Amino acid sequence: NEIIENNEGYDIIVKDGNEEIMYVEVKSTTEEYKENFQITGPQWKCARDNGDKYWIYRVYNANKPNHHIVPIQNPVKLWKEGKLYANPIEIEI
C-alpha cells in the first residue's frame, strides 16, 4: 500500500497454503501514545466480514528504536462489546 491503496481493507494477508488465515491492517504513528486513528469504509467492512481473522496492528514510535506494536483482533466485535470506541464518519444504505 505504500505506492497505491488496494481498497481491499487490509495491508497484509497471511495464508496457509491456499487458506486465508489472517488479514492485517497496519496503522502507524511516530508518536508514543497517540490513540486515535482512522480506518476506511473498506477496512471496517473487511473487519466485519472476517471476524477473528481480521487484525489491526497499531505501531507506535514507527521508525524509532523504541517502537512497539499493539495487536487488535476483531475490532468490530470489540466495538459491539463496548471495549473499543468508534466514531463513524460515513453511513451507506
PDB file of N, CA and C in Angstrom:
ATOM      1  N   ASN A   1       0.803  -1.212   0.000  1.00  0.00           N
ATOM      2  CA  ASN A   1       0.000   0.000   0.000  1.00  0.00           C
ATOM      3  C   ASN A   1       0.837   1.264   0.000  1.00  0.00           C
ATOM      4  N   GLU A   2       2.146   1.155   0.085  1.00  0.00           N
ATOM      5  CA  GLU A   2       2.990   2.342   0.102  1.00  0.00           C
ATOM      6  C   GLU A   2       2.842   3.133  -1.192  1.00  0.00           C
ATOM      7  N   ILE A   3       2.670   2.435  -2.305  1.00  0.00           N
ATOM      8  CA  ILE A   3       2.562   3.107  -3.599  1.00  0.00           C
ATOM      9  C   ILE A   3       1.108   3.401  -3.942  1.00  0.00           C
ATOM     10  N   ILE A   4       0.234   2.432  -3.751  1.00  0.00           N
ATOM     11  CA  ILE A   4      -1.178   2.605  -4.089  1.00  0.00           C
ATOM     12  C   ILE A   4      -2.036   1.804  -3.109  1.00  0.00           C
ATOM     13  N   GLU A   5      -3.144   2.394  -2.649  1.00  0.00           N
ATOM     14  CA  GLU A   5      -4.068   1.724  -1.738  1.00  0.00           C
ATOM     15  C   GLU A   5      -4.812   0.638  -2.505  1.00  0.00           C
ATOM     16  N   ASN A   6      -4.912  -0.566  -1.935  1.00  0.00           N
ATOM     17  CA  ASN A   6      -5.569  -1.660  -2.646  1.00  0.00           C
ATOM     18  C   ASN A   6      -7.087  -1.665  -2.472  1.00  0.00           C
ATOM     19  N   ASN A   7      -7.602  -0.875  -1.509  1.00  0.00           N
ATOM     20  CA  ASN A   7      -9.044  -0.782  -1.231  1.00  0.00           C
ATOM     21  C   ASN A   7      -9.673  -2.129  -0.895  1.00  0.00           C
ATOM     22  N   GLU A   8      -8.861  -3.059  -0.449  1.00  0.00           N
ATOM     23  CA  GLU A   8      -9.363  -4.357  -0.027  1.00  0.00           C
ATOM     24  C   GLU A   8      -9.653  -4.375   1.468  1.00  0.00           C
ATOM     25  N   GLY A   9      -9.175  -3.388   2.195  1.00  0.00           N
ATOM     26  CA  GLY A   9      -9.439  -3.329   3.626  1.00  0.00           C
ATOM     27  C   GLY A   9      -8.337  -3.893   4.495  1.00  0.00           C
ATOM     28  N   TYR A  10      -7.207  -4.256   3.907  1.00  0.00           N
ATOM     29  CA  TYR A  10      -6.088  -4.783   4.678  1.00  0.00           C
ATOM     30  C   TYR A  10      -4.799  -4.484   3.940  1.00  0.00           C
ATOM     31  N   ASP A  11      -3.702  -4.509   4.676  1.00  0.00           N
ATOM     32  CA  ASP A  11      -2.379  -4.306   4.087  1.00  0.00           C
ATOM     33  C   ASP A  11      -1.676  -5.624   3.787  1.00  0.00           C
ATOM     34  N   ILE A  12      -1.903  -6.616   4.647  1.00  0.00           N
ATOM     35  CA  ILE A  12      -1.198  -7.893   4.551  1.00  0.00           C
ATOM     36  C   ILE A  12      -2.212  -9.023   4.679  1.00  0.00           C
ATOM     37  N   ILE A  13      -2.058 -10.035   3.853  1.00  0.00           N
ATOM     38  CA  ILE A  13      -2.857 -11.248   4.001  1.00  0.00           C
ATOM     39  C   ILE A  13      -1.901 -12.396   4.319  1.00  0.00           C
ATOM     40  N   VAL A  14      -2.255 -13.176   5.328  1.00  0.00           N
ATOM     41  CA  VAL A  14      -1.442 -14.323   5.727  1.00  0.00           C
ATOM     42  C   VAL A  14      -2.185 -15.574   5.286  1.00  0.00           C
ATOM     43  N   LYS A  15      -1.475 -16.454   4.599  1.00  0.00           N
ATOM     44  CA  LYS A  15      -2.086 -17.687   4.092  1.00  0.00           C
ATOM     45  C   LYS A  15      -1.339 -18.909   4.601  1.00  0.00           C
ATOM     46  N   ASP A  16      -2.072 -19.991   4.728  1.00  0.00           N
ATOM     47  CA  ASP A  16      -1.508 -21.307   4.988  1.00  0.00           C
ATOM     48  C   ASP A  16      -1.919 -22.154   3.793  1.00  0.00           C
ATOM     49  N   GLY A  17      -1.009 -22.315   2.852  1.00  0.00           N
ATOM     50  CA  GLY A  17      -1.368 -22.937   1.580  1.00  0.00           C
ATOM     51  C   GLY A  17      -2.297 -21.998   0.837  1.00  0.00           C
ATOM     52  N   ASN A  18      -3.477 -22.469   0.499  1.00  0.00           N
ATOM     53  CA  ASN A  18      -4.472 -21.630  -0.173  1.00  0.00           C
ATOM     54  C   ASN A  18      -5.462 -20.995   0.792  1.00  0.00           C
ATOM     55  N   GLU A  19      -5.387 -21.355   2.073  1.00  0.00           N
ATOM     56  CA  GLU A  19      -6.338 -20.848   3.059  1.00  0.00           C
ATOM     57  C   GLU A  19      -5.883 -19.491   3.602  1.00  0.00           C
ATOM     58  N   GLU A  20      -6.779 -18.513   3.506  1.00  0.00           N
ATOM     59  CA  GLU A  20      -6.514 -17.190   4.073  1.00  0.00           C
ATOM     60  C   GLU A  20      -6.812 -17.256   5.562  1.00  0.00           C
ATOM     61  N   ILE A  21      -5.778 -17.091   6.388  1.00  0.00           N
ATOM     62  CA  ILE A  21      -5.977 -17.262   7.832  1.00  0.00           C
ATOM     63  C   ILE A  21      -5.943 -15.952   8.611  1.00  0.00           C
ATOM     64  N   MET A  22      -5.488 -14.874   7.968  1.00  0.00           N
ATOM     65  CA  MET A  22      -5.356 -13.625   8.707  1.00  0.00           C
ATOM     66  C   MET A  22      -5.281 -12.449   7.744  1.00  0.00           C
ATOM     67  N   TYR A  23      -6.010 -11.382   8.072  1.00  0.00           N
ATOM     68  CA  TYR A  23      -5.941 -10.127   7.337  1.00  0.00           C
ATOM     69  C   TYR A  23      -5.419  -9.081   8.315  1.00  0.00           C
ATOM     70  N   VAL A  24      -4.392  -8.346   7.920  1.00  0.00           N
ATOM     71  CA  VAL A  24      -3.763  -7.391   8.824  1.00  0.00           C
ATOM     72  C   VAL A  24      -3.789  -6.000   8.204  1.00  0.00           C
ATOM     73  N   GLU A  25      -4.316  -5.057   8.957  1.00  0.00           N
ATOM     74  CA  GLU A  25      -4.251  -3.638   8.595  1.00  0.00           C
ATOM     75  C   GLU A  25      -3.256  -3.004   9.564  1.00  0.00           C
ATOM     76  N   VAL A  26      -2.257  -2.306   9.039  1.00  0.00           N
ATOM     77  CA  VAL A  26      -1.237  -1.669   9.871  1.00  0.00           C
ATOM     78  C   VAL A  26      -1.537  -0.185   9.969  1.00  0.00           C
ATOM     79  N   LYS A  27      -1.603   0.308  11.192  1.00  0.00           N
ATOM     80  CA  LYS A  27      -1.800   1.731  11.460  1.00  0.00           C
ATOM     81  C   LYS A  27      -0.623   2.194  12.302  1.00  0.00           C
ATOM     82  N   SER A  28       0.140   3.137  11.774  1.00  0.00           N
ATOM     83  CA  SER A  28       1.349   3.546  12.482  1.00  0.00           C
ATOM     84  C   SER A  28       1.345   5.040  12.783  1.00  0.00           C
ATOM     85  N   THR A  29       2.103   5.393  13.798  1.00  0.00           N
ATOM     86  CA  THR A  29       2.323   6.775  14.181  1.00  0.00           C
ATOM     87  C   THR A  29       3.752   6.897  14.700  1.00  0.00           C
ATOM     88  N   THR A  30       4.354   8.050  14.499  1.00  0.00           N
ATOM     89  CA  THR A  30       5.695   8.277  15.034  1.00  0.00           C
ATOM     90  C   THR A  30       5.626   8.734  16.482  1.00  0.00           C
ATOM     91  N   GLU A  31       4.417   8.873  17.011  1.00  0.00           N
ATOM     92  CA  GLU A  31       4.244   9.291  18.397  1.00  0.00           C
ATOM     93  C   GLU A  31       4.209   8.081  19.327  1.00  0.00           C
ATOM     94  N   GLU A  32       4.426   8.345  20.628  1.00  0.00           N
ATOM     95  CA  GLU A  32       4.477   7.283  21.625  1.00  0.00           C
ATOM     96  C   GLU A  32       3.090   6.787  22.027  1.00  0.00           C
ATOM     97  N   TYR A  33       2.120   7.688  22.184  1.00  0.00           N
ATOM     98  CA  TYR A  33       0.838   7.279  22.763  1.00  0.00           C
ATOM     99  C   TYR A  33      -0.391   7.765  22.009  1.00  0.00           C
ATOM    100  N   LYS A  34      -0.272   8.216  20.780  1.00  0.00           N
ATOM    101  CA  LYS A  34      -1.442   8.678  20.038  1.00  0.00           C
ATOM    102  C   LYS A  34      -2.415   7.516  19.878  1.00  0.00           C
ATOM    103  N   GLU A  35      -3.603   7.660  20.468  1.00  0.00           N
ATOM    104  CA  GLU A  35      -4.535   6.535  20.498  1.00  0.00           C
ATOM    105  C   GLU A  35      -5.484   6.515  19.310  1.00  0.00           C
ATOM    106  N   ASN A  36      -5.987   7.664  18.882  1.00  0.00           N
ATOM    107  CA  ASN A  36      -6.970   7.701  17.808  1.00  0.00           C
ATOM    108  C   ASN A  36      -6.314   7.471  16.452  1.00  0.00           C
ATOM    109  N   PHE A  37      -7.000   6.753  15.593  1.00  0.00           N
ATOM    110  CA  PHE A  37      -6.565   6.573  14.213  1.00  0.00           C
ATOM    111  C   PHE A  37      -7.804   6.351  13.362  1.00  0.00           C
ATOM    112  N   GLN A  38      -7.670   6.590  12.088  1.00  0.00           N
ATOM    113  CA  GLN A  38      -8.797   6.441  11.176  1.00  0.00           C
ATOM    114  C   GLN A  38      -8.701   5.142  10.397  1.00  0.00           C
ATOM    115  N   ILE A  39      -9.863   4.568  10.133  1.00  0.00           N
ATOM    116  CA  ILE A  39      -9.926   3.443   9.211  1.00  0.00           C
ATOM    117  C   ILE A  39     -10.959   3.788   8.137  1.00  0.00           C
ATOM    118  N   THR A  40     -10.806   3.202   6.993  1.00  0.00           N
ATOM    119  CA  THR A  40     -11.691   3.479   5.870  1.00  0.00           C
ATOM    120  C   THR A  40     -12.914   2.569   5.901  1.00  0.00           C
ATOM    121  N   GLY A  41     -13.882   2.894   5.080  1.00  0.00           N
ATOM    122  CA  GLY A  41     -15.049   2.028   4.930  1.00  0.00           C
ATOM    123  C   GLY A  41     -14.671   0.623   4.513  1.00  0.00           C
ATOM    124  N   PRO A  42     -13.810   0.471   3.483  1.00  0.00           N
ATOM    125  CA  PRO A  42     -13.396  -0.885   3.107  1.00  0.00           C
ATOM    126  C   PRO A  42     -12.684  -1.636   4.237  1.00  0.00           C
ATOM    127  N   GLN A  43     -11.931  -0.941   5.066  1.00  0.00           N
ATOM    128  CA  GLN A  43     -11.252  -1.597   6.190  1.00  0.00           C
ATOM    129  C   GLN A  43     -12.266  -2.081   7.215  1.00  0.00           C
ATOM    130  N   TRP A  44     -13.271  -1.262   7.533  1.00  0.00           N
ATOM    131  CA  TRP A  44     -14.292  -1.658   8.508  1.00  0.00           C
ATOM    132  C   TRP A  44     -15.121  -2.812   7.954  1.00  0.00           C
ATOM    133  N   LYS A  45     -15.461  -2.764   6.672  1.00  0.00           N
ATOM    134  CA  LYS A  45     -16.216  -3.846   6.041  1.00  0.00           C
ATOM    135  C   LYS A  45     -15.421  -5.151   6.072  1.00  0.00           C
ATOM    136  N   CYS A  46     -14.137  -5.076   5.766  1.00  0.00           N
ATOM    137  CA  CYS A  46     -13.286  -6.261   5.807  1.00  0.00           C
ATOM    138  C   CYS A  46     -13.228  -6.820   7.226  1.00  0.00           C
ATOM    139  N   ALA A  47     -13.133  -5.939   8.212  1.00  0.00           N
ATOM    140  CA  ALA A  47     -13.127  -6.371   9.610  1.00  0.00           C
ATOM    141  C   ALA A  47     -14.446  -7.046   9.959  1.00  0.00           C
ATOM    142  N   ARG A  48     -15.544  -6.458   9.535  1.00  0.00           N
ATOM    143  CA  ARG A  48     -16.869  -7.020   9.814  1.00  0.00           C
ATOM    144  C   ARG A  48     -17.040  -8.384   9.145  1.00  0.00           C
ATOM    145  N   ASP A  49     -16.587  -8.489   7.893  1.00  0.00           N
ATOM    146  CA  ASP A  49     -16.783  -9.720   7.126  1.00  0.00           C
ATOM    147  C   ASP A  49     -15.868 -10.864   7.560  1.00  0.00           C
ATOM    148  N   ASN A  50     -14.745 -10.549   8.207  1.00  0.00           N
ATOM    149  CA  ASN A  50     -13.751 -11.585   8.518  1.00  0.00           C
ATOM    150  C   ASN A  50     -13.569 -11.877   9.999  1.00  0.00           C
ATOM    151  N   GLY A  51     -14.278 -11.192  10.856  1.00  0.00           N
ATOM    152  CA  GLY A  51     -14.299 -11.517  12.283  1.00  0.00           C
ATOM    153  C   GLY A  51     -12.925 -11.689  12.913  1.00  0.00           C
ATOM    154  N   ASP A  52     -12.709 -12.845  13.526  1.00  0.00           N
ATOM    155  CA  ASP A  52     -11.454 -13.097  14.246  1.00  0.00           C
ATOM    156  C   ASP A  52     -10.234 -13.198  13.338  1.00  0.00           C
ATOM    157  N   LYS A  53     -10.444 -13.309  12.035  1.00  0.00           N
ATOM    158  CA  LYS A  53      -9.316 -13.343  11.101  1.00  0.00           C
ATOM    159  C   LYS A  53      -8.758 -11.943  10.825  1.00  0.00           C
ATOM    160  N   TYR A  54      -9.472 -10.906  11.259  1.00  0.00           N
ATOM    161  CA  TYR A  54      -9.058  -9.534  10.961  1.00  0.00           C
ATOM    162  C   TYR A  54      -8.337  -8.920  12.161  1.00  0.00           C
ATOM    163  N   TRP A  55      -7.168  -8.378  11.885  1.00  0.00           N
ATOM    164  CA  TRP A  55      -6.334  -7.756  12.917  1.00  0.00           C
ATOM    165  C   TRP A  55      -5.919  -6.356  12.476  1.00  0.00           C
ATOM    166  N   ILE A  56      -5.854  -5.452  13.431  1.00  0.00           N
ATOM    167  CA  ILE A  56      -5.197  -4.166  13.225  1.00  0.00           C
ATOM    168  C   ILE A  56      -3.931  -4.206  14.073  1.00  0.00           C
ATOM    169  N   TYR A  57      -2.805  -3.913  13.456  1.00  0.00           N
ATOM    170  CA  TYR A  57      -1.556  -3.794  14.196  1.00  0.00           C
ATOM    171  C   TYR A  57      -1.262  -2.310  14.330  1.00  0.00           C
ATOM    172  N   ARG A  58      -1.391  -1.791  15.550  1.00  0.00           N
ATOM    173  CA  ARG A  58      -1.153  -0.382  15.834  1.00  0.00           C
ATOM    174  C   ARG A  58       0.312  -0.230  16.228  1.00  0.00           C
ATOM    175  N   VAL A  59       1.076   0.470  15.386  1.00  0.00           N
ATOM    176  CA  VAL A  59       2.510   0.646  15.608  1.00  0.00           C
ATOM    177  C   VAL A  59       2.756   2.038  16.156  1.00  0.00           C
ATOM    178  N   TYR A  60       3.371   2.114  17.322  1.00  0.00           N
ATOM    179  CA  TYR A  60       3.744   3.380  17.950  1.00  0.00           C
ATOM    180  C   TYR A  60       5.246   3.590  17.785  1.00  0.00           C
ATOM    181  N   ASN A  61       5.662   4.850  17.731  1.00  0.00           N
ATOM    182  CA  ASN A  61       7.083   5.193  17.548  1.00  0.00           C
ATOM    183  C   ASN A  61       7.657   4.539  16.296  1.00  0.00           C
ATOM    184  N   ALA A  62       6.884   4.578  15.223  1.00  0.00           N
ATOM    185  CA  ALA A  62       7.335   3.979  13.964  1.00  0.00           C
ATOM    186  C   ALA A  62       8.660   4.597  13.530  1.00  0.00           C
ATOM    187  N   ASN A  63       9.527   3.764  12.992  1.00  0.00           N
ATOM    188  CA  ASN A  63      10.865   4.173  12.534  1.00  0.00           C
ATOM    189  C   ASN A  63      11.776   4.642  13.662  1.00  0.00           C
ATOM    190  N   LYS A  64      11.483   4.233  14.872  1.00  0.00           N
ATOM    191  CA  LYS A  64      12.333   4.570  16.021  1.00  0.00           C
ATOM    192  C   LYS A  64      12.746   3.278  16.725  1.00  0.00           C
ATOM    193  N   PRO A  65      13.895   3.294  17.392  1.00  0.00           N
ATOM    194  CA  PRO A  65      14.358   2.074  18.063  1.00  0.00           C
ATOM    195  C   PRO A  65      13.402   1.566  19.147  1.00  0.00           C
ATOM    196  N   ASN A  66      12.641   2.468  19.766  1.00  0.00           N
ATOM    197  CA  ASN A  66      11.760   2.069  20.868  1.00  0.00           C
ATOM    198  C   ASN A  66      10.312   1.883  20.395  1.00  0.00           C
ATOM    199  N   HIS A  67      10.124   1.453  19.139  1.00  0.00           N
ATOM    200  CA  HIS A  67       8.774   1.225  18.626  1.00  0.00           C
ATOM    201  C   HIS A  67       8.126   0.047  19.347  1.00  0.00           C
ATOM    202  N   HIS A  68       6.808   0.034  19.349  1.00  0.00           N
ATOM    203  CA  HIS A  68       6.078  -1.111  19.878  1.00  0.00           C
ATOM    204  C   HIS A  68       4.761  -1.263  19.124  1.00  0.00           C
ATOM    205  N   ILE A  69       4.233  -2.481  19.158  1.00  0.00           N
ATOM    206  CA  ILE A  69       3.045  -2.832  18.395  1.00  0.00           C
ATOM    207  C   ILE A  69       1.958  -3.331  19.338  1.00  0.00           C
ATOM    208  N   VAL A  70       0.746  -2.819  19.129  1.00  0.00           N
ATOM    209  CA  VAL A  70      -0.418  -3.301  19.872  1.00  0.00           C
ATOM    210  C   VAL A  70      -1.345  -3.984  18.873  1.00  0.00           C
ATOM    211  N   PRO A  71      -1.488  -5.313  18.965  1.00  0.00           N
ATOM    212  CA  PRO A  71      -2.394  -6.020  18.059  1.00  0.00           C
ATOM    213  C   PRO A  71      -3.840  -5.933  18.547  1.00  0.00           C
ATOM    214  N   ILE A  72      -4.758  -5.706  17.618  1.00  0.00           N
ATOM    215  CA  ILE A  72      -6.184  -5.618  17.929  1.00  0.00           C
ATOM    216  C   ILE A  72      -6.899  -6.640  17.047  1.00  0.00           C
ATOM    217  N   GLN A  73      -7.407  -7.683  17.651  1.00  0.00           N
ATOM    218  CA  GLN A  73      -8.113  -8.710  16.886  1.00  0.00           C
ATOM    219  C   GLN A  73      -9.610  -8.429  16.885  1.00  0.00           C
ATOM    220  N   ASN A  74     -10.223  -8.548  15.721  1.00  0.00           N
ATOM    221  CA  ASN A  74     -11.662  -8.419  15.540  1.00  0.00           C
ATOM    222  C   ASN A  74     -12.197  -7.107  16.147  1.00  0.00           C
ATOM    223  N   PRO A  75     -11.815  -5.967  15.577  1.00  0.00           N
ATOM    224  CA  PRO A  75     -12.247  -4.680  16.138  1.00  0.00           C
ATOM    225  C   PRO A  75     -13.757  -4.480  16.129  1.00  0.00           C
ATOM    226  N   VAL A  76     -14.476  -5.079  15.187  1.00  0.00           N
ATOM    227  CA  VAL A  76     -15.934  -4.933  15.159  1.00  0.00           C
ATOM    228  C   VAL A  76     -16.546  -5.586  16.392  1.00  0.00           C
ATOM    229  N   LYS A  77     -16.070  -6.770  16.741  1.00  0.00           N
ATOM    230  CA  LYS A  77     -16.558  -7.461  17.942  1.00  0.00           C
ATOM    231  C   LYS A  77     -16.250  -6.635  19.185  1.00  0.00           C
ATOM    232  N   LEU A  78     -15.030  -6.099  19.271  1.00  0.00           N
ATOM    233  CA  LEU A  78     -14.655  -5.273  20.418  1.00  0.00           C
ATOM    234  C   LEU A  78     -15.545  -4.042  20.516  1.00  0.00           C
ATOM    235  N   TRP A  79     -15.868  -3.452  19.368  1.00  0.00           N
ATOM    236  CA  TRP A  79     -16.752  -2.283  19.330  1.00  0.00           C
ATOM    237  C   TRP A  79     -18.147  -2.655  19.828  1.00  0.00           C
ATOM    238  N   LYS A  80     -18.685  -3.784  19.357  1.00  0.00           N
ATOM    239  CA  LYS A  80     -20.013  -4.225  19.779  1.00  0.00           C
ATOM    240  C   LYS A  80     -20.059  -4.526  21.270  1.00  0.00           C
ATOM    241  N   GLU A  81     -18.942  -4.997  21.827  1.00  0.00           N
ATOM    242  CA  GLU A  81     -18.866  -5.313  23.259  1.00  0.00           C
ATOM    243  C   GLU A  81     -18.570  -4.088  24.109  1.00  0.00           C
ATOM    244  N   GLY A  82     -18.400  -2.925  23.473  1.00  0.00           N
ATOM    245  CA  GLY A  82     -18.108  -1.694  24.210  1.00  0.00           C
ATOM    246  C   GLY A  82     -16.673  -1.590  24.676  1.00  0.00           C
ATOM    247  N   LYS A  83     -15.779  -2.390  24.109  1.00  0.00           N
ATOM    248  CA  LYS A  83     -14.375  -2.383  24.508  1.00  0.00           C
ATOM    249  C   LYS A  83     -13.512  -1.525  23.595  1.00  0.00           C
ATOM    250  N   LEU A  84     -14.117  -0.991  22.543  1.00  0.00           N
ATOM    251  CA  LEU A  84     -13.412  -0.158  21.572  1.00  0.00           C
ATOM    252  C   LEU A  84     -14.388   0.933  21.140  1.00  0.00           C
ATOM    253  N   TYR A  85     -13.918   2.159  21.107  1.00  0.00           N
ATOM    254  CA  TYR A  85     -14.771   3.281  20.705  1.00  0.00           C
ATOM    255  C   TYR A  85     -14.534   3.582  19.235  1.00  0.00           C
ATOM    256  N   ALA A  86     -15.623   3.677  18.465  1.00  0.00           N
ATOM    257  CA  ALA A  86     -15.524   4.028  17.052  1.00  0.00           C
ATOM    258  C   ALA A  86     -16.514   5.155  16.765  1.00  0.00           C
ATOM    259  N   ASN A  87     -16.042   6.177  16.112  1.00  0.00           N
ATOM    260  CA  ASN A  87     -16.885   7.303  15.748  1.00  0.00           C
ATOM    261  C   ASN A  87     -17.067   7.265  14.234  1.00  0.00           C
ATOM    262  N   PRO A  88     -18.226   6.768  13.749  1.00  0.00           N
ATOM    263  CA  PRO A  88     -18.394   6.625  12.308  1.00  0.00           C
ATOM    264  C   PRO A  88     -18.392   7.955  11.577  1.00  0.00           C
ATOM    265  N   ILE A  89     -17.833   7.925  10.379  1.00  0.00           N
ATOM    266  CA  ILE A  89     -17.744   9.115   9.551  1.00  0.00           C
ATOM    267  C   ILE A  89     -18.754   9.055   8.413  1.00  0.00           C
ATOM    268  N   GLU A  90     -18.956   7.897   7.851  1.00  0.00           N
ATOM    269  CA  GLU A  90     -19.846   7.743   6.711  1.00  0.00           C
ATOM    270  C   GLU A  90     -20.883   6.662   7.006  1.00  0.00           C
ATOM    271  N   ILE A  91     -22.056   6.832   6.419  1.00  0.00           N
ATOM    272  CA  ILE A  91     -23.098   5.828   6.511  1.00  0.00           C
ATOM    273  C   ILE A  91     -23.557   5.522   5.103  1.00  0.00           C
ATOM    274  N   GLU A  92     -23.661   4.237   4.777  1.00  0.00           N
ATOM    275  CA  GLU A  92     -24.138   3.820   3.464  1.00  0.00           C
ATOM    276  C   GLU A  92     -25.333   2.908   3.638  1.00  0.00           C
ATOM    277  N   ILE A  93     -26.375   3.133   2.873  1.00  0.00           N
ATOM    278  CA  ILE A  93     -27.589   2.317   2.958  1.00  0.00           C
ATOM    279  C   ILE A  93     -27.726   1.519   1.674  1.00  0.00           C
TER     280      ILE A  93
END
